[in-house]
Amino acid sequence: MSDKNIIIEAKGVKKYFSSRVSGKIKALDGVDAVINHGEVVVVIGPSGSGKSTFLRSLNLLEVPTEGEIYVDGHNILAK
């Protein structure tokens, strides 16, 4: 991340849930987002499209299956 104005950046965020009936359920499939300092962002979409899962991934209430999330230049998924 080189731009100092970027406060949150998501790169290729994926989240899969396991289901006994249908195997893997794809909640997020490679979501990319850049949110700049002072910017107001709205996440919209139909029911079941992954809005809540994406927001829960940004604050680590859900740990993404794949991808990177940077907050203020720090990868919050780094181990």
Protein backbone atom coordinates (compact mmCIF):
# COMPACT_ATOMS: atom_id res chain seq x y z
CA MET A 1 0.00 0.00 0.00
CA SER A 2 1.68 3.19 -1.12
CA ASP A 3 -1.11 5.77 -0.92
CA LYS A 4 -1.16 7.38 2.55
CA ASN A 5 -4.82 8.39 2.06
CA ILE A 6 -6.03 4.77 2.03
CA ILE A 7 -7.38 3.71 5.44
CA ILE A 8 -8.89 0.29 4.54
CA GLU A 9 -8.00 -1.92 1.59
CA ALA A 10 -9.41 -5.37 0.88
CA LYS A 11 -7.75 -7.54 -1.78
CA GLY A 12 -9.31 -10.75 -3.07
CA VAL A 13 -11.30 -11.45 0.09
CA LYS A 14 -13.06 -14.83 -0.03
CA LYS A 15 -15.16 -16.56 2.60
CA TYR A 16 -16.55 -20.08 2.38
CA PHE A 17 -18.81 -21.79 4.90
CA SER A 18 -19.23 -25.55 5.20
CA SER A 19 -22.66 -27.08 4.74
CA ARG A 20 -23.60 -30.70 5.37
CA VAL A 21 -26.13 -30.59 2.55
CA SER A 22 -24.35 -28.73 -0.25
CA GLY A 23 -20.67 -28.79 0.73
CA LYS A 24 -19.08 -25.35 0.58
CA ILE A 25 -21.18 -22.20 0.50
CA LYS A 26 -19.45 -19.26 -1.18
CA ALA A 27 -20.30 -16.08 0.79
CA LEU A 28 -17.56 -13.86 -0.70
CA ASP A 29 -15.71 -14.48 -3.93
CA GLY A 30 -12.69 -12.22 -4.38
CA VAL A 31 -13.96 -8.90 -3.04
CA ASP A 32 -11.71 -5.87 -3.61
CA ALA A 33 -12.34 -2.50 -1.96
CA VAL A 34 -10.42 0.68 -1.21
CA ILE A 35 -11.70 3.14 1.37
CA ASN A 36 -9.91 6.45 1.74
CA HIS A 37 -9.59 8.53 4.89
CA GLY A 38 -12.74 10.63 5.44
CA GLU A 39 -14.73 8.75 2.80
CA VAL A 40 -18.27 7.54 3.45
CA VAL A 41 -19.00 4.15 1.89
CA VAL A 42 -22.30 2.30 1.52
CA VAL A 43 -22.48 -1.45 0.92
CA ILE A 44 -25.65 -2.38 -0.95
CA GLY A 45 -26.98 -5.50 -2.61
CA PRO A 46 -29.71 -8.10 -2.44
CA SER A 47 -30.32 -10.36 0.53
CA GLY A 48 -27.70 -13.11 0.72
CA SER A 49 -25.10 -11.31 -1.42
CA GLY A 50 -22.43 -11.18 1.31
CA LYS A 51 -22.75 -7.62 2.65
CA SER A 52 -22.75 -8.59 6.32
CA THR A 53 -20.06 -11.23 5.81
CA PHE A 54 -17.82 -8.62 4.17
CA LEU A 55 -18.33 -6.14 7.01
CA ARG A 56 -17.80 -8.87 9.61
CA SER A 57 -14.57 -9.79 7.80
CA LEU A 58 -13.31 -6.21 7.95
CA ASN A 59 -13.52 -6.23 11.76
CA LEU A 60 -12.46 -9.91 12.08
CA LEU A 61 -15.74 -11.18 13.50
CA GLU A 62 -15.39 -13.59 10.57
CA VAL A 63 -11.92 -14.66 9.44
CA PRO A 64 -11.76 -14.73 5.63
CA THR A 65 -10.83 -17.97 3.91
CA GLU A 66 -8.49 -16.12 1.52
CA GLY A 67 -7.34 -12.60 0.74
CA GLU A 68 -5.75 -9.64 2.47
CA ILE A 69 -7.22 -6.81 4.53
CA TYR A 70 -5.12 -3.76 5.34
CA VAL A 71 -6.15 -1.22 7.96
CA ASP A 72 -3.95 1.87 8.11
CA GLY A 73 -1.27 -0.02 6.17
CA HIS A 74 -1.20 -3.11 8.42
CA ASN A 75 -2.34 -6.51 7.20
CA ILE A 76 -4.79 -7.53 9.93
CA LEU A 77 -4.79 -11.14 8.65
CA ALA A 78 -1.01 -11.58 8.95
CA LYS A 79 -0.04 -14.38 11.29
